[in-house]
């Protein structure tokens, strides 16, 4: 977070795809985050992982 504040004007926060919270029975129990590809690639992998997690919990 310290580096983010130095890089962004006025200490703002920048958000981009690649992370999705994990929910069970409507409660957030964790999250999956992916980084290394493009934002579109990271988000796609995250969505697949969340779908697999959801199937395992059902």
PDB file of N, CA and C in Angstrom:
ATOM      1  N   UNK A   1       0.820  -1.189   0.000  1.00  0.00           N
ATOM      2  CA  UNK A   1       0.000   0.000   0.000  1.00  0.00           C
ATOM      3  C   UNK A   1       0.864   1.252   0.000  1.00  0.00           C
ATOM      4  N   UNK A   2       1.999   1.216   0.659  1.00  0.00           N
ATOM      5  CA  UNK A   2       2.863   2.394   0.692  1.00  0.00           C
ATOM      6  C   UNK A   2       3.321   2.740  -0.710  1.00  0.00           C
ATOM      7  N   UNK A   3       3.754   1.740  -1.489  1.00  0.00           N
ATOM      8  CA  UNK A   3       4.191   2.001  -2.857  1.00  0.00           C
ATOM      9  C   UNK A   3       3.041   2.527  -3.701  1.00  0.00           C
ATOM     10  N   UNK A   4       1.843   1.999  -3.500  1.00  0.00           N
ATOM     11  CA  UNK A   4       0.683   2.470  -4.250  1.00  0.00           C
ATOM     12  C   UNK A   4       0.449   3.940  -3.991  1.00  0.00           C
ATOM     13  N   UNK A   5       0.542   4.351  -2.744  1.00  0.00           N
ATOM     14  CA  UNK A   5       0.316   5.757  -2.414  1.00  0.00           C
ATOM     15  C   UNK A   5       1.355   6.662  -3.058  1.00  0.00           C
ATOM     16  N   UNK A   6       2.562   6.173  -3.202  1.00  0.00           N
ATOM     17  CA  UNK A   6       3.608   6.980  -3.836  1.00  0.00           C
ATOM     18  C   UNK A   6       3.388   7.099  -5.334  1.00  0.00           C
ATOM     19  N   UNK A   7       2.830   6.082  -5.944  1.00  0.00           N
ATOM     20  CA  UNK A   7       2.675   6.064  -7.395  1.00  0.00           C
ATOM     21  C   UNK A   7       1.430   6.795  -7.884  1.00  0.00           C
ATOM     22  N   UNK A   8       0.405   6.867  -7.073  1.00  0.00           N
ATOM     23  CA  UNK A   8      -0.849   7.450  -7.507  1.00  0.00           C
ATOM     24  C   UNK A   8      -1.025   8.863  -6.970  1.00  0.00           C
ATOM     25  N   UNK A   9      -1.629   9.718  -7.774  1.00  0.00           N
ATOM     26  CA  UNK A   9      -1.837  11.094  -7.332  1.00  0.00           C
ATOM     27  C   UNK A   9      -2.700  11.163  -6.068  1.00  0.00           C
ATOM     28  N   UNK A  10      -2.314  12.000  -5.165  1.00  0.00           N
ATOM     29  CA  UNK A  10      -3.068  12.250  -3.928  1.00  0.00           C
ATOM     30  C   UNK A  10      -3.270  10.990  -3.093  1.00  0.00           C
ATOM     31  N   UNK A  11      -2.401   9.992  -3.249  1.00  0.00           N
ATOM     32  CA  UNK A  11      -2.477   8.788  -2.428  1.00  0.00           C
ATOM     33  C   UNK A  11      -3.685   7.915  -2.690  1.00  0.00           C
ATOM     34  N   UNK A  12      -4.265   8.013  -3.890  1.00  0.00           N
ATOM     35  CA  UNK A  12      -5.454   7.244  -4.225  1.00  0.00           C
ATOM     36  C   UNK A  12      -5.176   5.758  -4.356  1.00  0.00           C
ATOM     37  N   UNK A  13      -6.226   5.004  -4.537  1.00  0.00           N
ATOM     38  CA  UNK A  13      -6.130   3.569  -4.721  1.00  0.00           C
ATOM     39  C   UNK A  13      -6.641   3.237  -6.114  1.00  0.00           C
ATOM     40  N   UNK A  14      -5.939   2.356  -6.800  1.00  0.00           N
ATOM     41  CA  UNK A  14      -6.316   1.946  -8.147  1.00  0.00           C
ATOM     42  C   UNK A  14      -6.753   0.492  -8.106  1.00  0.00           C
ATOM     43  N   UNK A  15      -7.880   0.200  -8.688  1.00  0.00           N
ATOM     44  CA  UNK A  15      -8.407  -1.152  -8.692  1.00  0.00           C
ATOM     45  C   UNK A  15      -8.468  -1.681 -10.117  1.00  0.00           C
ATOM     46  N   UNK A  16      -8.144  -2.975 -10.277  1.00  0.00           N
ATOM     47  CA  UNK A  16      -8.271  -3.601 -11.587  1.00  0.00           C
ATOM     48  C   UNK A  16      -8.586  -5.069 -11.404  1.00  0.00           C
ATOM     49  N   UNK A  17      -9.047  -5.718 -12.475  1.00  0.00           N
ATOM     50  CA  UNK A  17      -9.498  -7.103 -12.429  1.00  0.00           C
ATOM     51  C   UNK A  17      -8.403  -8.083 -12.036  1.00  0.00           C
ATOM     52  N   UNK A  18      -8.833  -9.249 -11.616  1.00  0.00           N
ATOM     53  CA  UNK A  18      -7.900 -10.304 -11.252  1.00  0.00           C
ATOM     54  C   UNK A  18      -8.093 -10.814  -9.843  1.00  0.00           C
ATOM     55  N   UNK A  19      -9.120 -10.320  -9.169  1.00  0.00           N
ATOM     56  CA  UNK A  19      -9.411 -10.775  -7.812  1.00  0.00           C
ATOM     57  C   UNK A  19     -10.902 -10.875  -7.588  1.00  0.00           C
ATOM     58  N   UNK A  20     -11.323 -11.965  -6.945  1.00  0.00           N
ATOM     59  CA  UNK A  20     -12.745 -12.189  -6.682  1.00  0.00           C
ATOM     60  C   UNK A  20     -12.896 -12.789  -5.288  1.00  0.00           C
ATOM     61  N   UNK A  21     -13.830 -12.256  -4.482  1.00  0.00           N
ATOM     62  CA  UNK A  21     -14.067 -12.848  -3.163  1.00  0.00           C
ATOM     63  C   UNK A  21     -14.725 -14.219  -3.286  1.00  0.00           C
ATOM     64  N   UNK A  22     -14.437 -15.075  -2.327  1.00  0.00           N
ATOM     65  CA  UNK A  22     -15.067 -16.398  -2.246  1.00  0.00           C
ATOM     66  C   UNK A  22     -16.173 -16.338  -1.206  1.00  0.00           C
ATOM     67  N   UNK A  23     -17.357 -16.786  -1.589  1.00  0.00           N
ATOM     68  CA  UNK A  23     -18.499 -16.745  -0.680  1.00  0.00           C
ATOM     69  C   UNK A  23     -19.059 -18.144  -0.464  1.00  0.00           C
ATOM     70  N   UNK A  24     -19.439 -18.414   0.778  1.00  0.00           N
ATOM     71  CA  UNK A  24     -20.152 -19.628   1.140  1.00  0.00           C
ATOM     72  C   UNK A  24     -21.351 -19.199   1.965  1.00  0.00           C
ATOM     73  N   UNK A  25     -22.521 -19.609   1.547  1.00  0.00           N
ATOM     74  CA  UNK A  25     -23.769 -19.223   2.222  1.00  0.00           C
ATOM     75  C   UNK A  25     -23.880 -17.714   2.393  1.00  0.00           C
ATOM     76  N   UNK A  26     -23.428 -16.966   1.385  1.00  0.00           N
ATOM     77  CA  UNK A  26     -23.519 -15.511   1.406  1.00  0.00           C
ATOM     78  C   UNK A  26     -22.448 -14.809   2.219  1.00  0.00           C
ATOM     79  N   UNK A  27     -21.563 -15.580   2.866  1.00  0.00           N
ATOM     80  CA  UNK A  27     -20.492 -14.990   3.677  1.00  0.00           C
ATOM     81  C   UNK A  27     -19.163 -15.052   2.926  1.00  0.00           C
ATOM     82  N   UNK A  28     -18.420 -13.962   2.941  1.00  0.00           N
ATOM     83  CA  UNK A  28     -17.100 -13.959   2.328  1.00  0.00           C
ATOM     84  C   UNK A  28     -16.142 -14.709   3.249  1.00  0.00           C
ATOM     85  N   UNK A  29     -15.514 -15.753   2.700  1.00  0.00           N
ATOM     86  CA  UNK A  29     -14.607 -16.577   3.502  1.00  0.00           C
ATOM     87  C   UNK A  29     -13.158 -16.462   3.037  1.00  0.00           C
ATOM     88  N   UNK A  30     -12.934 -15.732   1.974  1.00  0.00           N
ATOM     89  CA  UNK A  30     -11.588 -15.572   1.425  1.00  0.00           C
ATOM     90  C   UNK A  30     -11.678 -14.935   0.062  1.00  0.00           C
ATOM     91  N   UNK A  31     -10.606 -15.083  -0.711  1.00  0.00           N
ATOM     92  CA  UNK A  31     -10.581 -14.517  -2.059  1.00  0.00           C
ATOM     93  C   UNK A  31      -9.538 -15.245  -2.892  1.00  0.00           C
ATOM     94  N   UNK A  32      -9.697 -15.126  -4.201  1.00  0.00           N
ATOM     95  CA  UNK A  32      -8.698 -15.631  -5.134  1.00  0.00           C
ATOM     96  C   UNK A  32      -8.192 -14.432  -5.922  1.00  0.00           C
ATOM     97  N   UNK A  33      -6.891 -14.318  -6.008  1.00  0.00           N
ATOM     98  CA  UNK A  33      -6.275 -13.251  -6.783  1.00  0.00           C
ATOM     99  C   UNK A  33      -5.274 -13.826  -7.767  1.00  0.00           C
ATOM    100  N   UNK A  34      -5.276 -13.304  -8.979  1.00  0.00           N
ATOM    101  CA  UNK A  34      -4.374 -13.770 -10.029  1.00  0.00           C
ATOM    102  C   UNK A  34      -3.669 -12.570 -10.636  1.00  0.00           C
ATOM    103  N   UNK A  35      -2.383 -12.723 -10.879  1.00  0.00           N
ATOM    104  CA  UNK A  35      -1.607 -11.659 -11.498  1.00  0.00           C
ATOM    105  C   UNK A  35      -0.517 -12.276 -12.350  1.00  0.00           C
ATOM    106  N   UNK A  36      -0.196 -11.645 -13.445  1.00  0.00           N
ATOM    107  CA  UNK A  36       0.886 -12.131 -14.282  1.00  0.00           C
ATOM    108  C   UNK A  36       0.575 -12.018 -15.761  1.00  0.00           C
ATOM    109  N   UNK A  37      -0.695 -12.028 -16.100  1.00  0.00           N
ATOM    110  CA  UNK A  37      -1.096 -11.866 -17.496  1.00  0.00           C
ATOM    111  C   UNK A  37      -1.696 -10.491 -17.698  1.00  0.00           C
ATOM    112  N   UNK A  38      -2.475 -10.361 -18.736  1.00  0.00           N
ATOM    113  CA  UNK A  38      -3.221  -9.118 -18.912  1.00  0.00           C
ATOM    114  C   UNK A  38      -4.365  -9.114 -17.894  1.00  0.00           C
ATOM    115  N   UNK A  39      -4.973  -7.977 -17.676  1.00  0.00           N
ATOM    116  CA  UNK A  39      -6.105  -7.906 -16.748  1.00  0.00           C
ATOM    117  C   UNK A  39      -7.197  -8.869 -17.204  1.00  0.00           C
ATOM    118  N   UNK A  40      -7.454  -8.916 -18.506  1.00  0.00           N
ATOM    119  CA  UNK A  40      -8.487  -9.805 -19.046  1.00  0.00           C
ATOM    120  C   UNK A  40      -8.149 -11.275 -18.769  1.00  0.00           C
ATOM    121  N   UNK A  41      -6.892 -11.657 -18.966  1.00  0.00           N
ATOM    122  CA  UNK A  41      -6.467 -13.036 -18.693  1.00  0.00           C
ATOM    123  C   UNK A  41      -6.567 -13.357 -17.204  1.00  0.00           C
ATOM    124  N   UNK A  42      -6.065 -12.443 -16.368  1.00  0.00           N
ATOM    125  CA  UNK A  42      -6.119 -12.654 -14.918  1.00  0.00           C
ATOM    126  C   UNK A  42      -7.555 -12.831 -14.450  1.00  0.00           C
ATOM    127  N   UNK A  43      -8.457 -11.989 -14.944  1.00  0.00           N
ATOM    128  CA  UNK A  43      -9.866 -12.061 -14.539  1.00  0.00           C
ATOM    129  C   UNK A  43     -10.493 -13.376 -14.998  1.00  0.00           C
ATOM    130  N   UNK A  44     -10.186 -13.805 -16.212  1.00  0.00           N
ATOM    131  CA  UNK A  44     -10.746 -15.059 -16.736  1.00  0.00           C
ATOM    132  C   UNK A  44     -10.307 -16.248 -15.885  1.00  0.00           C
ATOM    133  N   UNK A  45      -9.037 -16.298 -15.522  1.00  0.00           N
ATOM    134  CA  UNK A  45      -8.535 -17.390 -14.686  1.00  0.00           C
ATOM    135  C   UNK A  45      -9.201 -17.359 -13.319  1.00  0.00           C
ATOM    136  N   UNK A  46      -9.351 -16.170 -12.779  1.00  0.00           N
ATOM    137  CA  UNK A  46     -10.008 -16.012 -11.474  1.00  0.00           C
ATOM    138  C   UNK A  46     -11.443 -16.527 -11.531  1.00  0.00           C
ATOM    139  N   UNK A  47     -12.160 -16.179 -12.568  1.00  0.00           N
ATOM    140  CA  UNK A  47     -13.556 -16.608 -12.693  1.00  0.00           C
ATOM    141  C   UNK A  47     -13.652 -18.125 -12.782  1.00  0.00           C
ATOM    142  N   UNK A  48     -12.733 -18.762 -13.501  1.00  0.00           N
ATOM    143  CA  UNK A  48     -12.720 -20.228 -13.590  1.00  0.00           C
ATOM    144  C   UNK A  48     -12.445 -20.836 -12.217  1.00  0.00           C
ATOM    145  N   UNK A  49     -11.488 -20.271 -11.497  1.00  0.00           N
ATOM    146  CA  UNK A  49     -11.142 -20.786 -10.166  1.00  0.00           C
ATOM    147  C   UNK A  49     -12.322 -20.648  -9.203  1.00  0.00           C
ATOM    148  N   UNK A  50     -13.007 -19.525  -9.233  1.00  0.00           N
ATOM    149  CA  UNK A  50     -14.160 -19.324  -8.354  1.00  0.00           C
ATOM    150  C   UNK A  50     -15.271 -20.312  -8.726  1.00  0.00           C
ATOM    151  N   UNK A  51     -15.480 -20.530 -10.024  1.00  0.00           N
ATOM    152  CA  UNK A  51     -16.491 -21.495 -10.454  1.00  0.00           C
ATOM    153  C   UNK A  51     -16.156 -22.894  -9.937  1.00  0.00           C
ATOM    154  N   UNK A  52     -14.905 -23.289 -10.032  1.00  0.00           N
ATOM    155  CA  UNK A  52     -14.489 -24.616  -9.531  1.00  0.00           C
ATOM    156  C   UNK A  52     -14.674 -24.705  -8.022  1.00  0.00           C
ATOM    157  N   UNK A  53     -14.304 -23.643  -7.312  1.00  0.00           N
ATOM    158  CA  UNK A  53     -14.482 -23.608  -5.858  1.00  0.00           C
ATOM    159  C   UNK A  53     -15.960 -23.765  -5.505  1.00  0.00           C
ATOM    160  N   UNK A  54     -16.800 -23.031  -6.194  1.00  0.00           N
ATOM    161  CA  UNK A  54     -18.247 -23.071  -5.940  1.00  0.00           C
ATOM    162  C   UNK A  54     -18.802 -24.471  -6.166  1.00  0.00           C
ATOM    163  N   UNK A  55     -18.365 -25.134  -7.226  1.00  0.00           N
ATOM    164  CA  UNK A  55     -18.820 -26.510  -7.506  1.00  0.00           C
ATOM    165  C   UNK A  55     -18.411 -27.462  -6.387  1.00  0.00           C
ATOM    166  N   UNK A  56     -17.202 -27.280  -5.860  1.00  0.00           N
ATOM    167  CA  UNK A  56     -16.713 -28.152  -4.779  1.00  0.00           C
ATOM    168  C   UNK A  56     -17.517 -27.944  -3.494  1.00  0.00           C
ATOM    169  N   UNK A  57     -18.007 -26.726  -3.278  1.00  0.00           N
ATOM    170  CA  UNK A  57     -18.740 -26.415  -2.051  1.00  0.00           C
ATOM    171  C   UNK A  57     -20.191 -26.870  -2.111  1.00  0.00           C
ATOM    172  N   UNK A  58     -20.711 -27.092  -3.306  1.00  0.00           N
ATOM    173  CA  UNK A  58     -22.127 -27.499  -3.445  1.00  0.00           C
ATOM    174  C   UNK A  58     -22.341 -28.949  -3.142  1.00  0.00           C
TER     175      UNK A  58
END
